[in-house]
Amino acid sequence: MEKALIYFIVPLFHNKTIEMDGEAMPQEKKSTYTGQTDARRKANAKYLKEAVEDVRIRVPKGQKAIIKAHAESQEESMNAFVVRAIDETMERDNEE
């Protein structure tokens, strides 16, 4: 009878050895990545400065949850939904 080869992913934060078929298989070591690098932060800041603008809106209490739920039902972020809603409204307004 053939043995089945089993592949599985083991979380990297455990420091244990797994035993399969009597053989010890050491786990991979925990990542030492602690967050964004300075270069990544600088690139993000540059992109935000050059490519996008912030617009703050206020909605009645409870409306944010409704907007978020609708955006998720459309498989888009709240930001993408709001931008799309504004674009579609402006396009419709300009047709009149």
PDB file of N, CA and C in Angstrom:
ATOM      1  N   MET A   1       0.841  -1.178   0.000  1.00  0.00           N
ATOM      2  CA  MET A   1       0.000   0.000   0.000  1.00  0.00           C
ATOM      3  C   MET A   1       0.887   1.242   0.000  1.00  0.00           C
ATOM      4  N   GLU A   2       0.548   2.216  -0.826  1.00  0.00           N
ATOM      5  CA  GLU A   2       1.350   3.444  -0.918  1.00  0.00           C
ATOM      6  C   GLU A   2       1.033   4.373   0.240  1.00  0.00           C
ATOM      7  N   LYS A   3       2.045   5.092   0.679  1.00  0.00           N
ATOM      8  CA  LYS A   3       1.834   6.100   1.711  1.00  0.00           C
ATOM      9  C   LYS A   3       1.435   7.408   1.035  1.00  0.00           C
ATOM     10  N   ALA A   4       0.464   8.070   1.588  1.00  0.00           N
ATOM     11  CA  ALA A   4       0.055   9.369   1.062  1.00  0.00           C
ATOM     12  C   ALA A   4       1.005  10.430   1.604  1.00  0.00           C
ATOM     13  N   LEU A   5       1.385  11.347   0.759  1.00  0.00           N
ATOM     14  CA  LEU A   5       2.243  12.447   1.168  1.00  0.00           C
ATOM     15  C   LEU A   5       1.340  13.586   1.612  1.00  0.00           C
ATOM     16  N   ILE A   6       1.531  14.056   2.803  1.00  0.00           N
ATOM     17  CA  ILE A   6       0.661  15.092   3.356  1.00  0.00           C
ATOM     18  C   ILE A   6       1.454  16.387   3.480  1.00  0.00           C
ATOM     19  N   TYR A   7       0.875  17.446   2.912  1.00  0.00           N
ATOM     20  CA  TYR A   7       1.453  18.779   3.037  1.00  0.00           C
ATOM     21  C   TYR A   7       0.505  19.619   3.876  1.00  0.00           C
ATOM     22  N   PHE A   8       1.051  20.403   4.783  1.00  0.00           N
ATOM     23  CA  PHE A   8       0.218  21.303   5.559  1.00  0.00           C
ATOM     24  C   PHE A   8       1.052  22.497   5.979  1.00  0.00           C
ATOM     25  N   ILE A   9       0.345  23.568   6.285  1.00  0.00           N
ATOM     26  CA  ILE A   9       1.004  24.798   6.701  1.00  0.00           C
ATOM     27  C   ILE A   9       0.970  24.855   8.220  1.00  0.00           C
ATOM     28  N   VAL A  10       2.099  25.163   8.808  1.00  0.00           N
ATOM     29  CA  VAL A  10       2.210  25.247  10.258  1.00  0.00           C
ATOM     30  C   VAL A  10       2.463  26.705  10.614  1.00  0.00           C
ATOM     31  N   PRO A  11       1.693  27.254  11.557  1.00  0.00           N
ATOM     32  CA  PRO A  11       1.928  28.646  11.942  1.00  0.00           C
ATOM     33  C   PRO A  11       3.381  28.873  12.345  1.00  0.00           C
ATOM     34  N   LEU A  12       3.923  30.008  11.945  1.00  0.00           N
ATOM     35  CA  LEU A  12       5.327  30.290  12.199  1.00  0.00           C
ATOM     36  C   LEU A  12       5.623  30.734  13.629  1.00  0.00           C
ATOM     37  N   PHE A  13       4.591  30.999  14.420  1.00  0.00           N
ATOM     38  CA  PHE A  13       4.873  31.500  15.752  1.00  0.00           C
ATOM     39  C   PHE A  13       5.052  30.395  16.783  1.00  0.00           C
ATOM     40  N   HIS A  14       4.883  29.143  16.417  1.00  0.00           N
ATOM     41  CA  HIS A  14       5.153  28.043  17.332  1.00  0.00           C
ATOM     42  C   HIS A  14       6.598  27.584  17.156  1.00  0.00           C
ATOM     43  N   ASN A  15       7.238  27.265  18.233  1.00  0.00           N
ATOM     44  CA  ASN A  15       8.603  26.768  18.177  1.00  0.00           C
ATOM     45  C   ASN A  15       8.622  25.306  18.588  1.00  0.00           C
ATOM     46  N   LYS A  16       7.906  24.480  17.880  1.00  0.00           N
ATOM     47  CA  LYS A  16       7.803  23.082  18.217  1.00  0.00           C
ATOM     48  C   LYS A  16       8.297  22.242  17.054  1.00  0.00           C
ATOM     49  N   THR A  17       8.595  21.001  17.348  1.00  0.00           N
ATOM     50  CA  THR A  17       8.985  20.053  16.312  1.00  0.00           C
ATOM     51  C   THR A  17       7.814  19.118  16.077  1.00  0.00           C
ATOM     52  N   ILE A  18       7.507  18.873  14.826  1.00  0.00           N
ATOM     53  CA  ILE A  18       6.409  17.996  14.456  1.00  0.00           C
ATOM     54  C   ILE A  18       6.985  16.649  14.084  1.00  0.00           C
ATOM     55  N   GLU A  19       6.289  15.587  14.480  1.00  0.00           N
ATOM     56  CA  GLU A  19       6.765  14.255  14.157  1.00  0.00           C
ATOM     57  C   GLU A  19       5.794  13.596  13.192  1.00  0.00           C
ATOM     58  N   MET A  20       6.311  13.128  12.063  1.00  0.00           N
ATOM     59  CA  MET A  20       5.510  12.414  11.074  1.00  0.00           C
ATOM     60  C   MET A  20       6.250  11.150  10.703  1.00  0.00           C
ATOM     61  N   ASP A  21       5.570  10.054  10.742  1.00  0.00           N
ATOM     62  CA  ASP A  21       6.160   8.759  10.408  1.00  0.00           C
ATOM     63  C   ASP A  21       7.458   8.517  11.178  1.00  0.00           C
ATOM     64  N   GLY A  22       7.492   8.976  12.435  1.00  0.00           N
ATOM     65  CA  GLY A  22       8.654   8.724  13.271  1.00  0.00           C
ATOM     66  C   GLY A  22       9.833   9.638  13.008  1.00  0.00           C
ATOM     67  N   GLU A  23       9.702  10.572  12.053  1.00  0.00           N
ATOM     68  CA  GLU A  23      10.802  11.495  11.749  1.00  0.00           C
ATOM     69  C   GLU A  23      10.455  12.887  12.245  1.00  0.00           C
ATOM     70  N   ALA A  24      11.393  13.521  12.917  1.00  0.00           N
ATOM     71  CA  ALA A  24      11.178  14.871  13.421  1.00  0.00           C
ATOM     72  C   ALA A  24      11.351  15.868  12.285  1.00  0.00           C
ATOM     73  N   MET A  25      10.410  16.784  12.201  1.00  0.00           N
ATOM     74  CA  MET A  25      10.465  17.838  11.181  1.00  0.00           C
ATOM     75  C   MET A  25      10.468  19.180  11.901  1.00  0.00           C
ATOM     76  N   PRO A  26      11.601  19.878  11.972  1.00  0.00           N
ATOM     77  CA  PRO A  26      11.623  21.162  12.676  1.00  0.00           C
ATOM     78  C   PRO A  26      10.798  22.202  11.910  1.00  0.00           C
ATOM     79  N   GLN A  27      10.128  23.046  12.668  1.00  0.00           N
ATOM     80  CA  GLN A  27       9.351  24.112  12.048  1.00  0.00           C
ATOM     81  C   GLN A  27      10.261  25.258  11.646  1.00  0.00           C
ATOM     82  N   GLU A  28       9.745  26.066  10.749  1.00  0.00           N
ATOM     83  CA  GLU A  28      10.485  27.252  10.342  1.00  0.00           C
ATOM     84  C   GLU A  28      10.518  28.230  11.508  1.00  0.00           C
ATOM     85  N   LYS A  29      11.534  29.055  11.557  1.00  0.00           N
ATOM     86  CA  LYS A  29      11.666  30.021  12.634  1.00  0.00           C
ATOM     87  C   LYS A  29      10.736  31.197  12.415  1.00  0.00           C
ATOM     88  N   LYS A  30      10.378  31.844  13.509  1.00  0.00           N
ATOM     89  CA  LYS A  30       9.510  33.010  13.481  1.00  0.00           C
ATOM     90  C   LYS A  30      10.183  34.134  12.697  1.00  0.00           C
ATOM     91  N   SER A  31       9.383  34.835  11.926  1.00  0.00           N
ATOM     92  CA  SER A  31       9.888  35.963  11.149  1.00  0.00           C
ATOM     93  C   SER A  31      10.386  37.062  12.081  1.00  0.00           C
ATOM     94  N   THR A  32      11.427  37.756  11.676  1.00  0.00           N
ATOM     95  CA  THR A  32      11.946  38.863  12.473  1.00  0.00           C
ATOM     96  C   THR A  32      11.435  40.214  11.969  1.00  0.00           C
ATOM     97  N   TYR A  33      10.548  40.203  10.964  1.00  0.00           N
ATOM     98  CA  TYR A  33       9.990  41.439  10.412  1.00  0.00           C
ATOM     99  C   TYR A  33       9.157  42.130  11.482  1.00  0.00           C
ATOM    100  N   THR A  34       9.447  43.384  11.770  1.00  0.00           N
ATOM    101  CA  THR A  34       8.758  44.093  12.845  1.00  0.00           C
ATOM    102  C   THR A  34       7.886  45.241  12.357  1.00  0.00           C
ATOM    103  N   GLY A  35       7.718  45.407  11.082  1.00  0.00           N
ATOM    104  CA  GLY A  35       6.886  46.489  10.570  1.00  0.00           C
ATOM    105  C   GLY A  35       7.469  47.063   9.305  1.00  0.00           C
ATOM    106  N   GLN A  36       6.964  48.215   8.919  1.00  0.00           N
ATOM    107  CA  GLN A  36       7.435  48.847   7.695  1.00  0.00           C
ATOM    108  C   GLN A  36       8.870  49.338   7.844  1.00  0.00           C
ATOM    109  N   THR A  37       9.574  49.265   6.737  1.00  0.00           N
ATOM    110  CA  THR A  37      10.925  49.820   6.719  1.00  0.00           C
ATOM    111  C   THR A  37      10.829  51.321   6.493  1.00  0.00           C
ATOM    112  N   ASP A  38      11.922  52.021   6.738  1.00  0.00           N
ATOM    113  CA  ASP A  38      11.940  53.465   6.487  1.00  0.00           C
ATOM    114  C   ASP A  38      11.690  53.763   5.017  1.00  0.00           C
ATOM    115  N   ALA A  39      12.234  52.944   4.125  1.00  0.00           N
ATOM    116  CA  ALA A  39      12.045  53.142   2.691  1.00  0.00           C
ATOM    117  C   ALA A  39      10.567  52.998   2.320  1.00  0.00           C
ATOM    118  N   ARG A  40       9.875  52.022   2.919  1.00  0.00           N
ATOM    119  CA  ARG A  40       8.440  51.808   2.639  1.00  0.00           C
ATOM    120  C   ARG A  40       7.625  52.980   3.132  1.00  0.00           C
ATOM    121  N   ARG A  41       7.946  53.485   4.349  1.00  0.00           N
ATOM    122  CA  ARG A  41       7.241  54.651   4.886  1.00  0.00           C
ATOM    123  C   ARG A  41       7.441  55.867   3.987  1.00  0.00           C
ATOM    124  N   LYS A  42       8.664  56.060   3.504  1.00  0.00           N
ATOM    125  CA  LYS A  42       8.970  57.193   2.638  1.00  0.00           C
ATOM    126  C   LYS A  42       8.214  57.075   1.313  1.00  0.00           C
ATOM    127  N   ALA A  43       8.173  55.874   0.744  1.00  0.00           N
ATOM    128  CA  ALA A  43       7.458  55.654  -0.516  1.00  0.00           C
ATOM    129  C   ALA A  43       5.963  55.882  -0.333  1.00  0.00           C
ATOM    130  N   ASN A  44       5.404  55.419   0.783  1.00  0.00           N
ATOM    131  CA  ASN A  44       3.981  55.636   1.054  1.00  0.00           C
ATOM    132  C   ASN A  44       3.663  57.122   1.182  1.00  0.00           C
ATOM    133  N   ALA A  45       4.495  57.847   1.909  1.00  0.00           N
ATOM    134  CA  ALA A  45       4.282  59.276   2.094  1.00  0.00           C
ATOM    135  C   ALA A  45       4.345  60.009   0.760  1.00  0.00           C
ATOM    136  N   LYS A  46       5.300  59.632  -0.083  1.00  0.00           N
ATOM    137  CA  LYS A  46       5.435  60.258  -1.398  1.00  0.00           C
ATOM    138  C   LYS A  46       4.192  60.008  -2.246  1.00  0.00           C
ATOM    139  N   TYR A  47       3.702  58.759  -2.243  1.00  0.00           N
ATOM    140  CA  TYR A  47       2.502  58.417  -3.017  1.00  0.00           C
ATOM    141  C   TYR A  47       1.303  59.223  -2.521  1.00  0.00           C
ATOM    142  N   LEU A  48       1.110  59.275  -1.209  1.00  0.00           N
ATOM    143  CA  LEU A  48      -0.029  60.005  -0.661  1.00  0.00           C
ATOM    144  C   LEU A  48       0.049  61.493  -0.975  1.00  0.00           C
ATOM    145  N   LYS A  49       1.253  62.037  -1.017  1.00  0.00           N
ATOM    146  CA  LYS A  49       1.439  63.464  -1.308  1.00  0.00           C
ATOM    147  C   LYS A  49       1.177  63.773  -2.780  1.00  0.00           C
ATOM    148  N   GLU A  50       1.616  62.882  -3.668  1.00  0.00           N
ATOM    149  CA  GLU A  50       1.573  63.164  -5.099  1.00  0.00           C
ATOM    150  C   GLU A  50       0.337  62.628  -5.824  1.00  0.00           C
ATOM    151  N   ALA A  51      -0.286  61.570  -5.321  1.00  0.00           N
ATOM    152  CA  ALA A  51      -1.297  60.882  -6.124  1.00  0.00           C
ATOM    153  C   ALA A  51      -2.734  60.991  -5.626  1.00  0.00           C
ATOM    154  N   VAL A  52      -2.927  61.307  -4.365  1.00  0.00           N
ATOM    155  CA  VAL A  52      -4.285  61.322  -3.835  1.00  0.00           C
ATOM    156  C   VAL A  52      -4.522  62.549  -2.961  1.00  0.00           C
ATOM    157  N   GLU A  53      -5.812  62.858  -2.764  1.00  0.00           N
ATOM    158  CA  GLU A  53      -6.202  63.935  -1.862  1.00  0.00           C
ATOM    159  C   GLU A  53      -7.200  63.369  -0.864  1.00  0.00           C
ATOM    160  N   ASP A  54      -7.225  63.938   0.330  1.00  0.00           N
ATOM    161  CA  ASP A  54      -8.165  63.501   1.354  1.00  0.00           C
ATOM    162  C   ASP A  54      -9.420  64.356   1.300  1.00  0.00           C
ATOM    163  N   VAL A  55     -10.576  63.707   1.463  1.00  0.00           N
ATOM    164  CA  VAL A  55     -11.854  64.386   1.604  1.00  0.00           C
ATOM    165  C   VAL A  55     -12.523  63.767   2.815  1.00  0.00           C
ATOM    166  N   ARG A  56     -12.892  64.595   3.763  1.00  0.00           N
ATOM    167  CA  ARG A  56     -13.537  64.075   4.972  1.00  0.00           C
ATOM    168  C   ARG A  56     -15.037  64.338   4.871  1.00  0.00           C
ATOM    169  N   ILE A  57     -15.820  63.313   5.162  1.00  0.00           N
ATOM    170  CA  ILE A  57     -17.271  63.495   5.176  1.00  0.00           C
ATOM    171  C   ILE A  57     -17.799  63.101   6.548  1.00  0.00           C
ATOM    172  N   ARG A  58     -18.925  63.678   6.895  1.00  0.00           N
ATOM    173  CA  ARG A  58     -19.593  63.339   8.151  1.00  0.00           C
ATOM    174  C   ARG A  58     -20.964  62.788   7.805  1.00  0.00           C
ATOM    175  N   VAL A  59     -21.337  61.724   8.495  1.00  0.00           N
ATOM    176  CA  VAL A  59     -22.638  61.096   8.281  1.00  0.00           C
ATOM    177  C   VAL A  59     -23.324  60.942   9.635  1.00  0.00           C
ATOM    178  N   PRO A  60     -24.654  60.835   9.636  1.00  0.00           N
ATOM    179  CA  PRO A  60     -25.366  60.636  10.912  1.00  0.00           C
ATOM    180  C   PRO A  60     -24.919  59.335  11.582  1.00  0.00           C
ATOM    181  N   LYS A  61     -24.993  59.310  12.922  1.00  0.00           N
ATOM    182  CA  LYS A  61     -24.630  58.108  13.679  1.00  0.00           C
ATOM    183  C   LYS A  61     -25.353  56.902  13.105  1.00  0.00           C
ATOM    184  N   GLY A  62     -24.615  55.812  12.938  1.00  0.00           N
ATOM    185  CA  GLY A  62     -25.186  54.577  12.412  1.00  0.00           C
ATOM    186  C   GLY A  62     -25.087  54.447  10.905  1.00  0.00           C
ATOM    187  N   GLN A  63     -24.951  55.558  10.203  1.00  0.00           N
ATOM    188  CA  GLN A  63     -24.881  55.527   8.733  1.00  0.00           C
ATOM    189  C   GLN A  63     -23.580  54.909   8.231  1.00  0.00           C
ATOM    190  N   LYS A  64     -22.499  55.099   8.968  1.00  0.00           N
ATOM    191  CA  LYS A  64     -21.212  54.538   8.556  1.00  0.00           C
ATOM    192  C   LYS A  64     -21.287  53.015   8.463  1.00  0.00           C
ATOM    193  N   ALA A  65     -21.913  52.383   9.437  1.00  0.00           N
ATOM    194  CA  ALA A  65     -22.043  50.921   9.428  1.00  0.00           C
ATOM    195  C   ALA A  65     -22.875  50.461   8.233  1.00  0.00           C
ATOM    196  N   ILE A  66     -23.910  51.224   7.898  1.00  0.00           N
ATOM    197  CA  ILE A  66     -24.762  50.891   6.756  1.00  0.00           C
ATOM    198  C   ILE A  66     -23.961  51.011   5.458  1.00  0.00           C
ATOM    199  N   ILE A  67     -23.186  52.086   5.329  1.00  0.00           N
ATOM    200  CA  ILE A  67     -22.355  52.297   4.128  1.00  0.00           C
ATOM    201  C   ILE A  67     -21.316  51.187   4.011  1.00  0.00           C
ATOM    202  N   LYS A  68     -20.678  50.864   5.129  1.00  0.00           N
ATOM    203  CA  LYS A  68     -19.649  49.821   5.124  1.00  0.00           C
ATOM    204  C   LYS A  68     -20.244  48.471   4.722  1.00  0.00           C
ATOM    205  N   ALA A  69     -21.394  48.127   5.276  1.00  0.00           N
ATOM    206  CA  ALA A  69     -22.041  46.859   4.942  1.00  0.00           C
ATOM    207  C   ALA A  69     -22.407  46.806   3.463  1.00  0.00           C
ATOM    208  N   HIS A  70     -22.913  47.921   2.929  1.00  0.00           N
ATOM    209  CA  HIS A  70     -23.268  47.940   1.511  1.00  0.00           C
ATOM    210  C   HIS A  70     -22.023  47.790   0.639  1.00  0.00           C
ATOM    211  N   ALA A  71     -20.971  48.511   0.983  1.00  0.00           N
ATOM    212  CA  ALA A  71     -19.720  48.417   0.212  1.00  0.00           C
ATOM    213  C   ALA A  71     -19.204  46.981   0.218  1.00  0.00           C
ATOM    214  N   GLU A  72     -19.222  46.338   1.380  1.00  0.00           N
ATOM    215  CA  GLU A  72     -18.765  44.944   1.469  1.00  0.00           C
ATOM    216  C   GLU A  72     -19.643  44.019   0.647  1.00  0.00           C
ATOM    217  N   SER A  73     -20.951  44.299   0.590  1.00  0.00           N
ATOM    218  CA  SER A  73     -21.846  43.462  -0.214  1.00  0.00           C
ATOM    219  C   SER A  73     -21.549  43.608  -1.708  1.00  0.00           C
ATOM    220  N   GLN A  74     -20.936  44.727  -2.076  1.00  0.00           N
ATOM    221  CA  GLN A  74     -20.542  44.967  -3.467  1.00  0.00           C
ATOM    222  C   GLN A  74     -19.086  44.559  -3.704  1.00  0.00           C
ATOM    223  N   GLU A  75     -18.478  43.969  -2.677  1.00  0.00           N
ATOM    224  CA  GLU A  75     -17.084  43.525  -2.721  1.00  0.00           C
ATOM    225  C   GLU A  75     -16.115  44.660  -3.049  1.00  0.00           C
ATOM    226  N   GLU A  76     -16.322  45.793  -2.370  1.00  0.00           N
ATOM    227  CA  GLU A  76     -15.412  46.930  -2.529  1.00  0.00           C
ATOM    228  C   GLU A  76     -15.215  47.604  -1.176  1.00  0.00           C
ATOM    229  N   SER A  77     -14.161  48.395  -1.099  1.00  0.00           N
ATOM    230  CA  SER A  77     -13.897  49.114   0.146  1.00  0.00           C
ATOM    231  C   SER A  77     -14.897  50.256   0.284  1.00  0.00           C
ATOM    232  N   MET A  78     -14.983  50.794   1.502  1.00  0.00           N
ATOM    233  CA  MET A  78     -15.859  51.957   1.701  1.00  0.00           C
ATOM    234  C   MET A  78     -15.398  53.109   0.830  1.00  0.00           C
ATOM    235  N   ASN A  79     -14.094  53.297   0.748  1.00  0.00           N
ATOM    236  CA  ASN A  79     -13.555  54.385  -0.068  1.00  0.00           C
ATOM    237  C   ASN A  79     -13.939  54.206  -1.530  1.00  0.00           C
ATOM    238  N   ALA A  80     -13.754  53.005  -2.057  1.00  0.00           N
ATOM    239  CA  ALA A  80     -14.095  52.756  -3.463  1.00  0.00           C
ATOM    240  C   ALA A  80     -15.580  52.967  -3.707  1.00  0.00           C
ATOM    241  N   PHE A  81     -16.416  52.534  -2.753  1.00  0.00           N
ATOM    242  CA  PHE A  81     -17.861  52.725  -2.904  1.00  0.00           C
ATOM    243  C   PHE A  81     -18.224  54.204  -2.928  1.00  0.00           C
ATOM    244  N   VAL A  82     -17.678  54.979  -1.990  1.00  0.00           N
ATOM    245  CA  VAL A  82     -17.993  56.407  -1.913  1.00  0.00           C
ATOM    246  C   VAL A  82     -17.528  57.126  -3.179  1.00  0.00           C
ATOM    247  N   VAL A  83     -16.316  56.813  -3.645  1.00  0.00           N
ATOM    248  CA  VAL A  83     -15.814  57.434  -4.876  1.00  0.00           C
ATOM    249  C   VAL A  83     -16.714  57.080  -6.057  1.00  0.00           C
ATOM    250  N   ARG A  84     -17.125  55.808  -6.146  1.00  0.00           N
ATOM    251  CA  ARG A  84     -18.009  55.378  -7.233  1.00  0.00           C
ATOM    252  C   ARG A  84     -19.359  56.090  -7.138  1.00  0.00           C
ATOM    253  N   ALA A  85     -19.906  56.201  -5.935  1.00  0.00           N
ATOM    254  CA  ALA A  85     -21.191  56.876  -5.742  1.00  0.00           C
ATOM    255  C   ALA A  85     -21.111  58.340  -6.173  1.00  0.00           C
ATOM    256  N   ILE A  86     -20.025  59.001  -5.813  1.00  0.00           N
ATOM    257  CA  ILE A  86     -19.843  60.408  -6.210  1.00  0.00           C
ATOM    258  C   ILE A  86     -19.719  60.511  -7.727  1.00  0.00           C
ATOM    259  N   ASP A  87     -18.878  59.658  -8.330  1.00  0.00           N
ATOM    260  CA  ASP A  87     -18.704  59.693  -9.791  1.00  0.00           C
ATOM    261  C   ASP A  87     -20.022  59.468 -10.521  1.00  0.00           C
ATOM    262  N   GLU A  88     -20.785  58.455 -10.089  1.00  0.00           N
ATOM    263  CA  GLU A  88     -22.051  58.149 -10.756  1.00  0.00           C
ATOM    264  C   GLU A  88     -23.056  59.279 -10.576  1.00  0.00           C
ATOM    265  N   THR A  89     -23.103  59.897  -9.405  1.00  0.00           N
ATOM    266  CA  THR A  89     -24.018  61.008  -9.154  1.00  0.00           C
ATOM    267  C   THR A  89     -23.641  62.213 -10.014  1.00  0.00           C
ATOM    268  N   MET A  90     -22.352  62.523 -10.097  1.00  0.00           N
ATOM    269  CA  MET A  90     -21.911  63.666 -10.914  1.00  0.00           C
ATOM    270  C   MET A  90     -22.218  63.414 -12.387  1.00  0.00           C
ATOM    271  N   GLU A  91     -22.006  62.187 -12.853  1.00  0.00           N
ATOM    272  CA  GLU A  91     -22.301  61.847 -14.242  1.00  0.00           C
ATOM    273  C   GLU A  91     -23.797  62.004 -14.509  1.00  0.00           C
ATOM    274  N   ARG A  92     -24.616  61.510 -13.597  1.00  0.00           N
ATOM    275  CA  ARG A  92     -26.068  61.617 -13.753  1.00  0.00           C
ATOM    276  C   ARG A  92     -26.503  63.080 -13.724  1.00  0.00           C
ATOM    277  N   ASP A  93     -25.923  63.874 -12.824  1.00  0.00           N
ATOM    278  CA  ASP A  93     -26.274  65.298 -12.721  1.00  0.00           C
ATOM    279  C   ASP A  93     -25.904  66.044 -13.992  1.00  0.00           C
ATOM    280  N   ASN A  94     -24.813  65.664 -14.635  1.00  0.00           N
ATOM    281  CA  ASN A  94     -24.370  66.362 -15.846  1.00  0.00           C
ATOM    282  C   ASN A  94     -25.200  65.984 -17.075  1.00  0.00           C
ATOM    283  N   GLU A  95     -25.962  64.891 -17.009  1.00  0.00           N
ATOM    284  CA  GLU A  95     -26.811  64.481 -18.133  1.00  0.00           C
ATOM    285  C   GLU A  95     -28.067  65.326 -18.205  1.00  0.00           C
ATOM    286  N   GLU A  96     -28.456  65.924 -17.106  1.00  0.00           N
ATOM    287  CA  GLU A  96     -29.707  66.690 -17.056  1.00  0.00           C
ATOM    288  C   GLU A  96     -29.623  68.017 -17.741  1.00  0.00           C
TER     289      GLU A  96
END
